Amino acid sequence: MIKNVLRKGSKAQIKYARERSEVLDAQIEATNKILGNVRDLTGKDIQSIAQVEDFIRDFPEFDNSVTEVVVASGYLELYKMDIEKNIEHYRFQDFKKKIPKRYWLQVALKKLPSAEEMLYAAKADFQRLNRLNENSPRKYYQVHMELDKNLMEMFSKMERTMSRAILEASK
């Protein structure tokens, strides 16, 4: 039996737990804007980004206009918000400044698997979109491939930062 599993959070911990993620809120807002505008543009009941992609595949005449909606939404730039908000995840110099050394290993071991998974997902999505674009070129695929390249760079930086933190924590 595990004892004392629950404990009372500090004021700072409670505040942090109740905070909404600015990045997540912006992503939800941009996604809703895309879906609403694409529905207005096409007259179709599109409820997900996957459905937008399917629609573009089947109706290439909407490629440019739907891509303009996506670009205008800011969706393709949202990753920059995370970098700004959490720069210590992407640059070791900032990691050293923000995270006390006694927590380096704990933080890095927690973040590294996530960075690896997200890097793998961005690579897989890039390859998928690249195959689609080779068969049926679409501006929509191309702008999302650019996003995937940016995400691959971002998560590679996170992976390097966390790997270095693990190495440095061991010294």
N, C-alpha and C. Protein backbone atom coordinates (compact mmCIF):
# COMPACT_ATOMS: atom_id res chain seq x y z
N MET A 1 0.84 -1.17 0.00
CA MET A 1 0.00 0.00 0.00
C MET A 1 0.89 1.24 0.00
N ILE A 2 0.49 2.22 -0.81
CA ILE A 2 1.23 3.47 -0.89
C ILE A 2 0.57 4.47 0.05
N LYS A 3 1.38 5.04 0.93
CA LYS A 3 0.86 6.00 1.89
C LYS A 3 1.19 7.42 1.45
N ASN A 4 0.37 8.35 1.87
CA ASN A 4 0.60 9.78 1.63
C ASN A 4 0.73 10.12 0.14
N VAL A 5 -0.15 9.55 -0.66
CA VAL A 5 -0.13 9.80 -2.09
C VAL A 5 -0.54 11.24 -2.40
N LEU A 6 -1.52 11.72 -1.71
CA LEU A 6 -1.99 13.08 -1.92
C LEU A 6 -1.33 14.03 -0.94
N ARG A 7 -1.12 15.25 -1.42
CA ARG A 7 -0.63 16.28 -0.51
C ARG A 7 -1.22 17.61 -0.95
N LYS A 8 -1.26 18.53 -0.05
CA LYS A 8 -1.81 19.85 -0.35
C LYS A 8 -0.78 20.63 -1.16
N GLY A 9 -1.26 21.23 -2.27
CA GLY A 9 -0.38 22.01 -3.12
C GLY A 9 -0.13 23.38 -2.54
N SER A 10 1.04 23.92 -2.87
CA SER A 10 1.35 25.29 -2.44
C SER A 10 0.51 26.25 -3.28
N LYS A 11 0.47 27.52 -2.89
CA LYS A 11 -0.27 28.52 -3.67
C LYS A 11 0.26 28.59 -5.10
N ALA A 12 1.56 28.52 -5.25
CA ALA A 12 2.17 28.59 -6.59
C ALA A 12 1.77 27.36 -7.42
N GLN A 13 1.76 26.19 -6.80
CA GLN A 13 1.38 24.96 -7.52
C GLN A 13 -0.09 25.00 -7.93
N ILE A 14 -0.94 25.49 -7.04
CA ILE A 14 -2.36 25.59 -7.35
C ILE A 14 -2.58 26.59 -8.48
N LYS A 15 -1.91 27.73 -8.42
CA LYS A 15 -2.01 28.74 -9.48
C LYS A 15 -1.57 28.15 -10.81
N TYR A 16 -0.45 27.45 -10.81
CA TYR A 16 0.07 26.83 -12.04
C TYR A 16 -0.91 25.81 -12.61
N ALA A 17 -1.49 25.01 -11.75
CA ALA A 17 -2.44 23.98 -12.20
C ALA A 17 -3.70 24.59 -12.81
N ARG A 18 -4.07 25.76 -12.35
CA ARG A 18 -5.29 26.41 -12.85
C ARG A 18 -5.04 27.28 -14.09
N GLU A 19 -3.78 27.55 -14.39
CA GLU A 19 -3.46 28.40 -15.54
C GLU A 19 -3.87 27.71 -16.84
N ARG A 20 -4.39 28.50 -17.73
CA ARG A 20 -4.68 28.00 -19.07
C ARG A 20 -3.43 28.21 -19.91
N SER A 21 -3.22 27.34 -20.83
CA SER A 21 -2.07 27.46 -21.72
C SER A 21 -2.39 28.46 -22.83
N GLU A 22 -1.59 29.52 -22.91
CA GLU A 22 -1.76 30.50 -23.97
C GLU A 22 -1.59 29.85 -25.34
N VAL A 23 -0.62 28.97 -25.44
CA VAL A 23 -0.34 28.30 -26.71
C VAL A 23 -1.53 27.42 -27.10
N LEU A 24 -2.04 26.66 -26.15
CA LEU A 24 -3.18 25.78 -26.43
C LEU A 24 -4.41 26.60 -26.79
N ASP A 25 -4.66 27.67 -26.06
CA ASP A 25 -5.80 28.54 -26.37
C ASP A 25 -5.67 29.12 -27.78
N ALA A 26 -4.47 29.55 -28.15
CA ALA A 26 -4.24 30.11 -29.49
C ALA A 26 -4.44 29.04 -30.56
N GLN A 27 -4.01 27.81 -30.25
CA GLN A 27 -4.18 26.71 -31.21
C GLN A 27 -5.66 26.39 -31.40
N ILE A 28 -6.41 26.37 -30.33
CA ILE A 28 -7.86 26.11 -30.41
C ILE A 28 -8.53 27.21 -31.22
N GLU A 29 -8.18 28.46 -30.92
CA GLU A 29 -8.77 29.60 -31.63
C GLU A 29 -8.44 29.55 -33.13
N ALA A 30 -7.18 29.29 -33.47
CA ALA A 30 -6.77 29.23 -34.87
C ALA A 30 -7.46 28.07 -35.60
N THR A 31 -7.56 26.92 -34.95
CA THR A 31 -8.22 25.76 -35.55
C THR A 31 -9.69 26.06 -35.80
N ASN A 32 -10.35 26.64 -34.82
CA ASN A 32 -11.77 26.98 -34.99
C ASN A 32 -11.97 28.01 -36.10
N LYS A 33 -11.05 28.97 -36.18
CA LYS A 33 -11.12 29.98 -37.24
C LYS A 33 -10.96 29.30 -38.61
N ILE A 34 -9.99 28.41 -38.72
CA ILE A 34 -9.78 27.69 -39.99
C ILE A 34 -11.03 26.92 -40.37
N LEU A 35 -11.54 26.13 -39.44
CA LEU A 35 -12.70 25.28 -39.75
C LEU A 35 -13.92 26.12 -40.13
N GLY A 36 -14.17 27.19 -39.40
CA GLY A 36 -15.31 28.05 -39.71
C GLY A 36 -15.17 28.71 -41.08
N ASN A 37 -13.99 29.24 -41.36
CA ASN A 37 -13.76 29.89 -42.64
C ASN A 37 -13.81 28.91 -43.81
N VAL A 38 -13.28 27.71 -43.60
CA VAL A 38 -13.33 26.69 -44.67
C VAL A 38 -14.78 26.26 -44.91
N ARG A 39 -15.55 26.12 -43.85
CA ARG A 39 -16.98 25.79 -44.04
C ARG A 39 -17.69 26.89 -44.84
N ASP A 40 -17.41 28.15 -44.48
CA ASP A 40 -18.02 29.27 -45.20
C ASP A 40 -17.59 29.29 -46.67
N LEU A 41 -16.34 29.02 -46.90
CA LEU A 41 -15.77 29.05 -48.25
C LEU A 41 -16.30 27.93 -49.13
N THR A 42 -16.44 26.74 -48.55
CA THR A 42 -16.77 25.55 -49.35
C THR A 42 -18.23 25.14 -49.27
N GLY A 43 -18.92 25.56 -48.23
CA GLY A 43 -20.29 25.11 -48.03
C GLY A 43 -20.38 23.68 -47.55
N LYS A 44 -19.26 23.11 -47.15
CA LYS A 44 -19.22 21.72 -46.67
C LYS A 44 -19.15 21.69 -45.15
N ASP A 45 -19.66 20.61 -44.56
CA ASP A 45 -19.67 20.45 -43.10
C ASP A 45 -18.33 19.84 -42.65
N ILE A 46 -17.30 20.64 -42.68
CA ILE A 46 -15.95 20.19 -42.31
C ILE A 46 -15.74 20.47 -40.83
N GLN A 47 -15.42 19.41 -40.08
CA GLN A 47 -15.33 19.50 -38.63
C GLN A 47 -13.92 19.29 -38.07
N SER A 48 -12.96 18.92 -38.93
CA SER A 48 -11.60 18.64 -38.44
C SER A 48 -10.57 19.03 -39.49
N ILE A 49 -9.34 19.21 -39.02
CA ILE A 49 -8.24 19.53 -39.93
C ILE A 49 -8.01 18.36 -40.90
N ALA A 50 -8.20 17.14 -40.44
CA ALA A 50 -8.07 15.98 -41.34
C ALA A 50 -9.09 16.06 -42.48
N GLN A 51 -10.28 16.52 -42.18
CA GLN A 51 -11.29 16.67 -43.22
C GLN A 51 -10.92 17.79 -44.20
N VAL A 52 -10.27 18.83 -43.71
CA VAL A 52 -9.79 19.89 -44.61
C VAL A 52 -8.80 19.29 -45.60
N GLU A 53 -7.86 18.51 -45.09
CA GLU A 53 -6.86 17.88 -45.95
C GLU A 53 -7.51 16.96 -46.98
N ASP A 54 -8.48 16.17 -46.55
CA ASP A 54 -9.20 15.29 -47.49
C ASP A 54 -9.92 16.12 -48.55
N PHE A 55 -10.53 17.21 -48.13
CA PHE A 55 -11.26 18.07 -49.06
C PHE A 55 -10.32 18.64 -50.12
N ILE A 56 -9.16 19.11 -49.70
CA ILE A 56 -8.17 19.67 -50.63
C ILE A 56 -7.71 18.61 -51.63
N ARG A 57 -7.54 17.41 -51.15
CA ARG A 57 -7.15 16.30 -52.04
C ARG A 57 -8.21 16.09 -53.12
N ASP A 58 -9.47 16.11 -52.72
CA ASP A 58 -10.57 15.81 -53.63
C ASP A 58 -11.03 17.00 -54.47
N PHE A 59 -10.79 18.20 -53.98
CA PHE A 59 -11.24 19.42 -54.67
C PHE A 59 -10.08 20.41 -54.79
N PRO A 60 -9.13 20.13 -55.67
CA PRO A 60 -7.93 20.98 -55.77
C PRO A 60 -8.23 22.42 -56.15
N GLU A 61 -9.39 22.68 -56.71
CA GLU A 61 -9.73 24.06 -57.08
C GLU A 61 -9.84 24.97 -55.85
N PHE A 62 -9.96 24.38 -54.65
CA PHE A 62 -10.03 25.15 -53.41
C PHE A 62 -8.66 25.28 -52.72
N ASP A 63 -7.64 24.69 -53.31
CA ASP A 63 -6.33 24.65 -52.67
C ASP A 63 -5.82 26.04 -52.27
N ASN A 64 -5.76 26.96 -53.20
CA ASN A 64 -5.21 28.28 -52.89
C ASN A 64 -6.04 29.03 -51.85
N SER A 65 -7.35 29.01 -51.99
CA SER A 65 -8.19 29.78 -51.06
C SER A 65 -8.16 29.17 -49.66
N VAL A 66 -8.19 27.86 -49.55
CA VAL A 66 -8.12 27.22 -48.23
C VAL A 66 -6.74 27.44 -47.61
N THR A 67 -5.70 27.36 -48.41
CA THR A 67 -4.35 27.60 -47.90
C THR A 67 -4.23 29.03 -47.38
N GLU A 68 -4.82 29.98 -48.07
CA GLU A 68 -4.82 31.37 -47.60
C GLU A 68 -5.51 31.49 -46.24
N VAL A 69 -6.59 30.76 -46.05
CA VAL A 69 -7.30 30.75 -44.76
C VAL A 69 -6.38 30.23 -43.66
N VAL A 70 -5.67 29.15 -43.95
CA VAL A 70 -4.77 28.54 -42.96
C VAL A 70 -3.64 29.51 -42.61
N VAL A 71 -3.03 30.11 -43.62
CA VAL A 71 -1.93 31.05 -43.39
C VAL A 71 -2.43 32.24 -42.58
N ALA A 72 -3.56 32.81 -42.97
CA ALA A 72 -4.11 33.99 -42.29
C ALA A 72 -4.49 33.71 -40.84
N SER A 73 -4.78 32.47 -40.50
CA SER A 73 -5.20 32.12 -39.14
C SER A 73 -4.06 32.22 -38.13
N GLY A 74 -2.81 32.19 -38.61
CA GLY A 74 -1.66 32.18 -37.71
C GLY A 74 -1.28 30.79 -37.23
N TYR A 75 -2.03 29.79 -37.63
CA TYR A 75 -1.82 28.40 -37.19
C TYR A 75 -0.40 27.92 -37.46
N LEU A 76 0.15 28.31 -38.60
CA LEU A 76 1.47 27.82 -39.01
C LEU A 76 2.61 28.45 -38.22
N GLU A 77 2.29 29.48 -37.43
CA GLU A 77 3.30 30.20 -36.65
C GLU A 77 3.18 29.94 -35.15
N LEU A 78 2.23 29.13 -34.74
CA LEU A 78 1.98 28.93 -33.31
C LEU A 78 3.17 28.33 -32.57
N TYR A 79 3.96 27.52 -33.25
CA TYR A 79 5.11 26.88 -32.59
C TYR A 79 6.05 27.95 -32.00
N LYS A 80 6.09 29.13 -32.62
CA LYS A 80 6.96 30.20 -32.13
C LYS A 80 6.55 30.67 -30.74
N MET A 81 5.26 30.61 -30.45
CA MET A 81 4.79 30.99 -29.11
C MET A 81 5.38 30.08 -28.05
N ASP A 82 5.44 28.78 -28.34
CA ASP A 82 5.99 27.84 -27.36
C ASP A 82 7.48 28.09 -27.15
N ILE A 83 8.17 28.39 -28.23
CA ILE A 83 9.60 28.68 -28.10
C ILE A 83 9.81 29.91 -27.22
N GLU A 84 9.03 30.96 -27.46
CA GLU A 84 9.15 32.19 -26.66
C GLU A 84 8.81 31.94 -25.19
N LYS A 85 7.74 31.20 -24.98
CA LYS A 85 7.27 30.96 -23.61
C LYS A 85 8.18 30.01 -22.84
N ASN A 86 8.79 29.07 -23.54
CA ASN A 86 9.60 28.02 -22.89
C ASN A 86 10.98 27.92 -23.52
N ILE A 87 11.65 29.05 -23.68
CA ILE A 87 12.94 29.07 -24.36
C ILE A 87 13.95 28.12 -23.70
N GLU A 88 13.78 27.89 -22.40
CA GLU A 88 14.72 26.99 -21.70
C GLU A 88 14.63 25.55 -22.20
N HIS A 89 13.58 25.19 -22.90
CA HIS A 89 13.48 23.84 -23.46
C HIS A 89 14.28 23.70 -24.75
N TYR A 90 14.66 24.83 -25.33
CA TYR A 90 15.25 24.82 -26.68
C TYR A 90 16.68 25.33 -26.75
N ARG A 91 17.16 25.95 -25.68
CA ARG A 91 18.54 26.43 -25.63
C ARG A 91 19.13 26.12 -24.27
N PHE A 92 20.23 25.40 -24.27
CA PHE A 92 20.83 24.98 -23.01
C PHE A 92 21.25 26.17 -22.15
N GLN A 93 21.73 27.24 -22.78
CA GLN A 93 22.13 28.42 -22.00
C GLN A 93 20.96 28.94 -21.17
N ASP A 94 19.76 28.93 -21.75
CA ASP A 94 18.57 29.38 -21.03
C ASP A 94 18.10 28.33 -20.02
N PHE A 95 18.28 27.07 -20.35
CA PHE A 95 17.95 25.98 -19.41
C PHE A 95 18.77 26.17 -18.13
N LYS A 96 20.09 26.41 -18.31
CA LYS A 96 20.98 26.60 -17.16
C LYS A 96 20.55 27.76 -16.29
N LYS A 97 20.09 28.83 -16.91
CA LYS A 97 19.69 30.02 -16.16
C LYS A 97 18.38 29.82 -15.41
N LYS A 98 17.45 29.10 -16.01
CA LYS A 98 16.10 29.01 -15.44
C LYS A 98 15.91 27.84 -14.49
N ILE A 99 16.58 26.72 -14.74
CA ILE A 99 16.37 25.50 -13.95
C ILE A 99 17.53 25.32 -12.97
N PRO A 100 17.25 25.23 -11.68
CA PRO A 100 18.33 24.95 -10.72
C PRO A 100 19.00 23.61 -11.05
N LYS A 101 20.30 23.57 -10.94
CA LYS A 101 21.07 22.40 -11.36
C LYS A 101 20.58 21.11 -10.70
N ARG A 102 20.12 21.19 -9.46
CA ARG A 102 19.69 19.98 -8.77
C ARG A 102 18.47 19.34 -9.45
N TYR A 103 17.76 20.11 -10.33
CA TYR A 103 16.58 19.58 -11.03
C TYR A 103 16.85 19.25 -12.50
N TRP A 104 18.06 19.49 -12.97
CA TRP A 104 18.37 19.27 -14.39
C TRP A 104 18.01 17.87 -14.85
N LEU A 105 18.48 16.88 -14.13
CA LEU A 105 18.25 15.50 -14.54
C LEU A 105 16.77 15.17 -14.54
N GLN A 106 16.08 15.54 -13.51
CA GLN A 106 14.64 15.26 -13.39
C GLN A 106 13.86 15.90 -14.55
N VAL A 107 14.12 17.18 -14.80
CA VAL A 107 13.41 17.89 -15.87
C VAL A 107 13.77 17.31 -17.23
N ALA A 108 15.04 17.11 -17.47
CA ALA A 108 15.49 16.62 -18.78
C ALA A 108 14.97 15.20 -19.07
N LEU A 109 14.97 14.34 -18.05
CA LEU A 109 14.47 12.98 -18.26
C LEU A 109 12.96 12.98 -18.53
N LYS A 110 12.27 13.97 -18.00
CA LYS A 110 10.83 14.09 -18.27
C LYS A 110 10.57 14.63 -19.67
N LYS A 111 11.35 15.61 -20.10
CA LYS A 111 11.11 16.29 -21.38
C LYS A 111 11.68 15.54 -22.59
N LEU A 112 12.76 14.81 -22.40
CA LEU A 112 13.43 14.16 -23.54
C LEU A 112 12.52 13.19 -24.30
N PRO A 113 11.80 12.29 -23.63
CA PRO A 113 10.92 11.39 -24.40
C PRO A 113 9.86 12.14 -25.21
N SER A 114 9.34 13.21 -24.65
CA SER A 114 8.35 14.01 -25.37
C SER A 114 8.96 14.63 -26.61
N ALA A 115 10.16 15.17 -26.48
CA ALA A 115 10.86 15.77 -27.63
C ALA A 115 11.09 14.72 -28.72
N GLU A 116 11.51 13.54 -28.31
CA GLU A 116 11.76 12.46 -29.27
C GLU A 116 10.47 12.05 -29.99
N GLU A 117 9.38 11.93 -29.23
CA GLU A 117 8.09 11.55 -29.83
C GLU A 117 7.58 12.61 -30.79
N MET A 118 7.69 13.87 -30.40
CA MET A 118 7.21 14.95 -31.25
C MET A 118 8.07 15.10 -32.51
N LEU A 119 9.37 14.88 -32.38
CA LEU A 119 10.27 14.92 -33.53
C LEU A 119 9.90 13.80 -34.50
N TYR A 120 9.67 12.62 -33.98
CA TYR A 120 9.27 11.49 -34.81
C TYR A 120 7.94 11.79 -35.53
N ALA A 121 6.98 12.37 -34.80
CA ALA A 121 5.67 12.68 -35.39
C ALA A 121 5.80 13.71 -36.51
N ALA A 122 6.63 14.74 -36.30
CA ALA A 122 6.82 15.76 -37.33
C ALA A 122 7.49 15.17 -38.57
N LYS A 123 8.48 14.29 -38.36
CA LYS A 123 9.14 13.63 -39.50
C LYS A 123 8.16 12.76 -40.27
N ALA A 124 7.37 11.99 -39.55
CA ALA A 124 6.39 11.11 -40.19
C ALA A 124 5.35 11.91 -40.97
N ASP A 125 4.89 13.01 -40.39
CA ASP A 125 3.90 13.85 -41.08
C ASP A 125 4.52 14.48 -42.32
N PHE A 126 5.77 14.93 -42.20
CA PHE A 126 6.45 15.51 -43.36
C PHE A 126 6.54 14.49 -44.50
N GLN A 127 6.94 13.28 -44.17
CA GLN A 127 7.06 12.23 -45.19
C GLN A 127 5.70 11.92 -45.82
N ARG A 128 4.67 11.86 -45.01
CA ARG A 128 3.31 11.60 -45.52
C ARG A 128 2.87 12.70 -46.48
N LEU A 129 3.05 13.94 -46.05
CA LEU A 129 2.66 15.07 -46.90
C LEU A 129 3.50 15.14 -48.17
N ASN A 130 4.77 14.81 -48.05
CA ASN A 130 5.65 14.82 -49.21
C ASN A 130 5.16 13.81 -50.27
N ARG A 131 4.76 12.62 -49.82
CA ARG A 131 4.22 11.62 -50.76
C ARG A 131 2.94 12.13 -51.42
N LEU A 132 2.06 12.71 -50.62
CA LEU A 132 0.82 13.27 -51.17
C LEU A 132 1.13 14.36 -52.20
N ASN A 133 2.08 15.23 -51.85
CA ASN A 133 2.43 16.35 -52.72
C ASN A 133 3.10 15.88 -54.01
N GLU A 134 3.88 14.80 -53.93
CA GLU A 134 4.49 14.25 -55.15
C GLU A 134 3.43 13.74 -56.11
N ASN A 135 2.39 13.11 -55.57
CA ASN A 135 1.32 12.56 -56.40
C ASN A 135 0.36 13.63 -56.90
N SER A 136 0.03 14.58 -56.04
CA SER A 136 -0.93 15.64 -56.36
C SER A 136 -0.48 16.93 -55.69
N PRO A 137 0.37 17.70 -56.35
CA PRO A 137 0.91 18.91 -55.72
C PRO A 137 -0.20 19.86 -55.24
N ARG A 138 -0.05 20.29 -54.01
CA ARG A 138 -1.00 21.23 -53.41
C ARG A 138 -0.21 22.22 -52.55
N LYS A 139 -0.59 23.47 -52.64
CA LYS A 139 0.00 24.51 -51.80
C LYS A 139 -0.25 24.18 -50.33
N TYR A 140 -1.44 23.66 -50.05
CA TYR A 140 -1.83 23.29 -48.68
C TYR A 140 -0.82 22.30 -48.09
N TYR A 141 -0.43 21.27 -48.87
CA TYR A 141 0.55 20.30 -48.38
C TYR A 141 1.90 20.99 -48.16
N GLN A 142 2.26 21.87 -49.07
CA GLN A 142 3.58 22.51 -49.00
C GLN A 142 3.73 23.40 -47.77
N VAL A 143 2.70 24.17 -47.43
CA VAL A 143 2.83 25.02 -46.24
C VAL A 143 2.87 24.17 -44.96
N HIS A 144 2.18 23.05 -44.97
CA HIS A 144 2.24 22.16 -43.80
C HIS A 144 3.58 21.42 -43.73
N MET A 145 4.18 21.16 -44.88
CA MET A 145 5.53 20.57 -44.88
C MET A 145 6.53 21.57 -44.29
N GLU A 146 6.37 22.85 -44.60
CA GLU A 146 7.22 23.88 -44.01
C GLU A 146 7.04 23.92 -42.49
N LEU A 147 5.79 23.81 -42.05
CA LEU A 147 5.53 23.75 -40.61
C LEU A 147 6.24 22.54 -40.01
N ASP A 148 6.14 21.40 -40.65
CA ASP A 148 6.81 20.20 -40.13
C ASP A 148 8.32 20.39 -40.07
N LYS A 149 8.91 21.05 -41.05
CA LYS A 149 10.36 21.33 -41.00
C LYS A 149 10.68 22.18 -39.78
N ASN A 150 9.87 23.21 -39.54
CA ASN A 150 10.09 24.07 -38.37
C ASN A 150 9.93 23.29 -37.07
N LEU A 151 8.94 22.41 -37.03
CA LEU A 151 8.74 21.59 -35.83
C LEU A 151 9.90 20.62 -35.64
N MET A 152 10.41 20.06 -36.73
CA MET A 152 11.55 19.15 -36.61
C MET A 152 12.76 19.89 -36.04
N GLU A 153 12.97 21.11 -36.50
CA GLU A 153 14.08 21.91 -35.97
C GLU A 153 13.86 22.21 -34.50
N MET A 154 12.63 22.60 -34.15
CA MET A 154 12.31 22.93 -32.77
C MET A 154 12.52 21.73 -31.84
N PHE A 155 11.98 20.58 -32.22
CA PHE A 155 12.10 19.41 -31.35
C PHE A 155 13.51 18.83 -31.35
N SER A 156 14.26 19.04 -32.43
CA SER A 156 15.68 18.65 -32.42
C SER A 156 16.45 19.49 -31.40
N LYS A 157 16.13 20.78 -31.35
CA LYS A 157 16.77 21.66 -30.36
C LYS A 157 16.40 21.22 -28.94
N MET A 158 15.14 20.86 -28.74
CA MET A 158 14.72 20.40 -27.42
C MET A 158 15.45 19.11 -27.05
N GLU A 159 15.55 18.22 -28.00
CA GLU A 159 16.23 16.95 -27.77
C GLU A 159 17.71 17.19 -27.40
N ARG A 160 18.37 18.08 -28.14
CA ARG A 160 19.77 18.39 -27.84
C ARG A 160 19.92 19.06 -26.47
N THR A 161 19.01 19.98 -26.16
CA THR A 161 19.07 20.69 -24.88
C THR A 161 18.91 19.71 -23.72
N MET A 162 17.92 18.83 -23.82
CA MET A 162 17.67 17.88 -22.73
C MET A 162 18.80 16.84 -22.63
N SER A 163 19.33 16.42 -23.76
CA SER A 163 20.45 15.47 -23.74
C SER A 163 21.67 16.11 -23.08
N ARG A 164 21.93 17.34 -23.42
CA ARG A 164 23.06 18.03 -22.81
C ARG A 164 22.84 18.23 -21.32
N ALA A 165 21.61 18.56 -20.92
CA ALA A 165 21.31 18.72 -19.49
C ALA A 165 21.57 17.44 -18.73
N ILE A 166 21.21 16.30 -19.34
CA ILE A 166 21.45 15.01 -18.69
C ILE A 166 22.94 14.78 -18.54
N LEU A 167 23.70 15.06 -19.59
CA LEU A 167 25.15 14.89 -19.51
C LEU A 167 25.79 15.82 -18.48
N GLU A 168 25.37 17.07 -18.49
CA GLU A 168 25.94 18.06 -17.57
C GLU A 168 25.54 17.77 -16.12
N ALA A 169 24.34 17.26 -15.93
CA ALA A 169 23.88 16.94 -14.56
C ALA A 169 24.69 15.81 -13.97
N SER A 170 25.25 14.96 -14.82
CA SER A 170 26.02 13.81 -14.36
C SER A 170 27.43 14.18 -13.96
N LYS A 171 27.86 15.39 -14.27
CA LYS A 171 29.25 15.80 -13.95
C LYS A 171 29.39 16.20 -12.51
